[in-house]
Amino acid sequence: MLPIKGNHPEINILYIGAQILKKLNDRKNKRIKTTLLFKTLSKELSVSIDHIILALDWLYIISAINYNDTEVFINEAK
């Protein structure tokens, strides 16, 4: 279970994960370069790269996203 009480929603990995999925879904090819993702989210959400990495880890664990050497992308359902 992920903690949802007692911390600010904007630094909650569920919230950050939702923002990552929204950003990926808004893109035509459903992909984004990791460097661009880190740069834009840290600026837009005022969160550290550590929080973004935790959210990416969580999304990967639940099979919502996948990655290659340079990009993060939505994991297509088969």
N, C-alpha and C. Protein backbone atom coordinates (compact mmCIF):
# COMPACT_ATOMS: atom_id res chain seq x y z
N MET A 1 0.84 -1.17 0.00
CA MET A 1 0.00 0.00 0.00
C MET A 1 0.89 1.24 0.00
N LEU A 2 0.47 2.23 -0.76
CA LEU A 2 1.21 3.48 -0.83
C LEU A 2 0.60 4.50 0.12
N PRO A 3 1.46 5.25 0.81
CA PRO A 3 0.92 6.25 1.74
C PRO A 3 0.25 7.39 0.99
N ILE A 4 -0.97 7.72 1.39
CA ILE A 4 -1.66 8.83 0.76
C ILE A 4 -2.04 9.92 1.77
N LYS A 5 -1.86 9.64 3.04
CA LYS A 5 -2.17 10.64 4.06
C LYS A 5 -0.88 11.11 4.71
N GLY A 6 -0.91 12.35 5.15
CA GLY A 6 0.23 12.86 5.89
C GLY A 6 1.33 13.47 5.05
N ASN A 7 1.12 13.57 3.74
CA ASN A 7 2.10 14.27 2.93
C ASN A 7 1.36 15.13 1.91
N HIS A 8 2.09 16.03 1.33
CA HIS A 8 1.50 16.95 0.36
C HIS A 8 1.16 16.21 -0.92
N PRO A 9 -0.03 16.43 -1.47
CA PRO A 9 -0.44 15.72 -2.68
C PRO A 9 0.52 15.93 -3.85
N GLU A 10 1.11 17.11 -3.93
CA GLU A 10 1.98 17.39 -5.07
C GLU A 10 3.31 16.65 -5.02
N ILE A 11 3.67 16.07 -3.86
CA ILE A 11 4.88 15.24 -3.82
C ILE A 11 4.56 13.77 -3.60
N ASN A 12 3.30 13.42 -3.72
CA ASN A 12 2.87 12.03 -3.61
C ASN A 12 3.16 11.32 -4.92
N ILE A 13 3.74 10.13 -4.87
CA ILE A 13 4.12 9.45 -6.11
C ILE A 13 2.90 9.06 -6.94
N LEU A 14 1.75 8.90 -6.32
CA LEU A 14 0.53 8.64 -7.10
C LEU A 14 0.18 9.85 -7.96
N TYR A 15 0.28 11.02 -7.38
CA TYR A 15 0.00 12.26 -8.11
C TYR A 15 1.03 12.47 -9.22
N ILE A 16 2.29 12.30 -8.89
CA ILE A 16 3.35 12.49 -9.88
C ILE A 16 3.21 11.44 -10.99
N GLY A 17 2.89 10.21 -10.62
CA GLY A 17 2.68 9.16 -11.61
C GLY A 17 1.54 9.50 -12.55
N ALA A 18 0.47 10.05 -12.01
CA ALA A 18 -0.66 10.46 -12.85
C ALA A 18 -0.25 11.57 -13.81
N GLN A 19 0.59 12.49 -13.34
CA GLN A 19 1.07 13.56 -14.21
C GLN A 19 1.96 13.01 -15.33
N ILE A 20 2.77 12.01 -15.00
CA ILE A 20 3.62 11.37 -16.01
C ILE A 20 2.74 10.70 -17.07
N LEU A 21 1.73 9.95 -16.64
CA LEU A 21 0.84 9.29 -17.59
C LEU A 21 0.08 10.30 -18.45
N LYS A 22 -0.34 11.40 -17.84
CA LYS A 22 -1.03 12.45 -18.59
C LYS A 22 -0.11 13.04 -19.65
N LYS A 23 1.13 13.31 -19.26
CA LYS A 23 2.10 13.88 -20.19
C LYS A 23 2.36 12.91 -21.35
N LEU A 24 2.50 11.62 -21.04
CA LEU A 24 2.71 10.62 -22.09
C LEU A 24 1.49 10.48 -22.98
N ASN A 25 0.32 10.48 -22.39
CA ASN A 25 -0.91 10.32 -23.15
C ASN A 25 -1.18 11.51 -24.07
N ASP A 26 -0.74 12.69 -23.68
CA ASP A 26 -0.93 13.89 -24.49
C ASP A 26 -0.04 13.92 -25.73
N ARG A 27 1.00 13.10 -25.72
CA ARG A 27 1.93 13.07 -26.85
C ARG A 27 1.41 12.14 -27.94
N LYS A 28 1.64 12.51 -29.17
CA LYS A 28 1.13 11.74 -30.30
C LYS A 28 1.63 10.29 -30.29
N ASN A 29 2.92 10.08 -30.06
CA ASN A 29 3.47 8.73 -30.10
C ASN A 29 3.55 8.07 -28.72
N LYS A 30 3.01 8.74 -27.69
CA LYS A 30 2.96 8.21 -26.32
C LYS A 30 4.34 7.93 -25.74
N ARG A 31 5.35 8.67 -26.21
CA ARG A 31 6.73 8.52 -25.75
C ARG A 31 7.30 9.89 -25.38
N ILE A 32 8.28 9.87 -24.47
CA ILE A 32 8.98 11.11 -24.13
C ILE A 32 10.41 10.76 -23.71
N LYS A 33 11.34 11.60 -24.09
CA LYS A 33 12.72 11.40 -23.67
C LYS A 33 12.81 11.63 -22.17
N THR A 34 13.59 10.78 -21.51
CA THR A 34 13.68 10.87 -20.05
C THR A 34 14.22 12.23 -19.60
N THR A 35 15.19 12.76 -20.32
CA THR A 35 15.75 14.06 -19.93
C THR A 35 14.70 15.15 -20.01
N LEU A 36 13.87 15.12 -21.05
CA LEU A 36 12.80 16.11 -21.19
C LEU A 36 11.75 15.92 -20.09
N LEU A 37 11.43 14.69 -19.78
CA LEU A 37 10.46 14.40 -18.72
C LEU A 37 10.95 14.94 -17.38
N PHE A 38 12.20 14.66 -17.03
CA PHE A 38 12.76 15.16 -15.77
C PHE A 38 12.76 16.68 -15.74
N LYS A 39 13.17 17.29 -16.83
CA LYS A 39 13.28 18.75 -16.90
C LYS A 39 11.90 19.41 -16.75
N THR A 40 10.91 18.93 -17.50
CA THR A 40 9.60 19.58 -17.46
C THR A 40 8.86 19.32 -16.16
N LEU A 41 8.88 18.07 -15.69
CA LEU A 41 8.14 17.77 -14.45
C LEU A 41 8.76 18.44 -13.23
N SER A 42 10.08 18.45 -13.16
CA SER A 42 10.69 19.10 -11.98
C SER A 42 10.37 20.58 -11.96
N LYS A 43 10.24 21.19 -13.13
CA LYS A 43 9.90 22.61 -13.20
C LYS A 43 8.41 22.83 -12.96
N GLU A 44 7.55 22.06 -13.63
CA GLU A 44 6.10 22.24 -13.52
C GLU A 44 5.56 21.89 -12.13
N LEU A 45 6.08 20.81 -11.53
CA LEU A 45 5.56 20.35 -10.25
C LEU A 45 6.41 20.78 -9.06
N SER A 46 7.55 21.37 -9.32
CA SER A 46 8.49 21.75 -8.27
C SER A 46 8.84 20.57 -7.38
N VAL A 47 9.18 19.45 -7.99
CA VAL A 47 9.59 18.25 -7.27
C VAL A 47 11.00 17.87 -7.69
N SER A 48 11.64 17.08 -6.84
CA SER A 48 12.99 16.65 -7.16
C SER A 48 12.95 15.48 -8.13
N ILE A 49 14.08 15.23 -8.74
CA ILE A 49 14.21 14.10 -9.65
C ILE A 49 13.98 12.79 -8.88
N ASP A 50 14.34 12.77 -7.61
CA ASP A 50 14.11 11.58 -6.78
C ASP A 50 12.63 11.19 -6.75
N HIS A 51 11.75 12.18 -6.59
CA HIS A 51 10.32 11.91 -6.57
C HIS A 51 9.84 11.41 -7.93
N ILE A 52 10.38 11.98 -8.99
CA ILE A 52 10.00 11.55 -10.34
C ILE A 52 10.45 10.11 -10.58
N ILE A 53 11.65 9.78 -10.14
CA ILE A 53 12.17 8.42 -10.29
C ILE A 53 11.32 7.43 -9.51
N LEU A 54 10.92 7.79 -8.28
CA LEU A 54 10.04 6.91 -7.50
C LEU A 54 8.72 6.67 -8.22
N ALA A 55 8.16 7.73 -8.80
CA ALA A 55 6.90 7.59 -9.53
C ALA A 55 7.10 6.73 -10.77
N LEU A 56 8.21 6.91 -11.47
CA LEU A 56 8.51 6.07 -12.64
C LEU A 56 8.68 4.61 -12.24
N ASP A 57 9.36 4.37 -11.13
CA ASP A 57 9.51 3.00 -10.62
C ASP A 57 8.16 2.37 -10.34
N TRP A 58 7.29 3.11 -9.69
CA TRP A 58 5.96 2.61 -9.36
C TRP A 58 5.18 2.29 -10.64
N LEU A 59 5.23 3.21 -11.62
CA LEU A 59 4.52 2.97 -12.88
C LEU A 59 5.07 1.75 -13.61
N TYR A 60 6.37 1.56 -13.55
CA TYR A 60 6.99 0.40 -14.19
C TYR A 60 6.58 -0.90 -13.47
N ILE A 61 6.57 -0.86 -12.15
CA ILE A 61 6.20 -2.05 -11.37
C ILE A 61 4.77 -2.49 -11.67
N ILE A 62 3.87 -1.55 -11.86
CA ILE A 62 2.48 -1.91 -12.15
C ILE A 62 2.25 -2.08 -13.65
N SER A 63 3.31 -2.09 -14.43
CA SER A 63 3.28 -2.31 -15.89
C SER A 63 2.52 -1.24 -16.66
N ALA A 64 2.48 -0.03 -16.15
CA ALA A 64 1.83 1.07 -16.86
C ALA A 64 2.76 1.68 -17.91
N ILE A 65 4.07 1.63 -17.64
CA ILE A 65 5.04 2.20 -18.57
C ILE A 65 6.15 1.19 -18.83
N ASN A 66 6.93 1.52 -19.84
CA ASN A 66 8.14 0.78 -20.13
C ASN A 66 9.18 1.80 -20.55
N TYR A 67 10.38 1.37 -20.80
CA TYR A 67 11.44 2.30 -21.16
C TYR A 67 12.46 1.60 -22.04
N ASN A 68 13.24 2.43 -22.73
CA ASN A 68 14.44 1.93 -23.40
C ASN A 68 15.58 2.83 -22.96
N ASP A 69 16.65 2.87 -23.70
CA ASP A 69 17.83 3.64 -23.27
C ASP A 69 17.56 5.12 -23.07
N THR A 70 16.67 5.70 -23.86
CA THR A 70 16.49 7.15 -23.80
C THR A 70 15.06 7.62 -23.60
N GLU A 71 14.08 6.72 -23.68
CA GLU A 71 12.69 7.14 -23.65
C GLU A 71 11.86 6.34 -22.65
N VAL A 72 10.81 7.01 -22.19
CA VAL A 72 9.78 6.36 -21.39
C VAL A 72 8.53 6.33 -22.26
N PHE A 73 7.80 5.23 -22.23
CA PHE A 73 6.60 5.16 -23.06
C PHE A 73 5.52 4.32 -22.37
N ILE A 74 4.29 4.59 -22.79
CA ILE A 74 3.13 3.86 -22.22
C ILE A 74 3.22 2.41 -22.68
N ASN A 75 3.01 1.52 -21.74
CA ASN A 75 3.04 0.09 -22.02
C ASN A 75 1.70 -0.28 -22.66
N GLU A 76 1.74 -0.66 -23.92
CA GLU A 76 0.52 -1.01 -24.65
C GLU A 76 -0.03 -2.34 -24.15
N ALA A 77 -1.33 -2.40 -23.96
CA ALA A 77 -1.99 -3.64 -23.55
C ALA A 77 -2.00 -4.61 -24.72
N LYS A 78 -1.78 -5.87 -24.40
CA LYS A 78 -1.72 -6.87 -25.46
C LYS A 78 -2.96 -7.71 -25.47
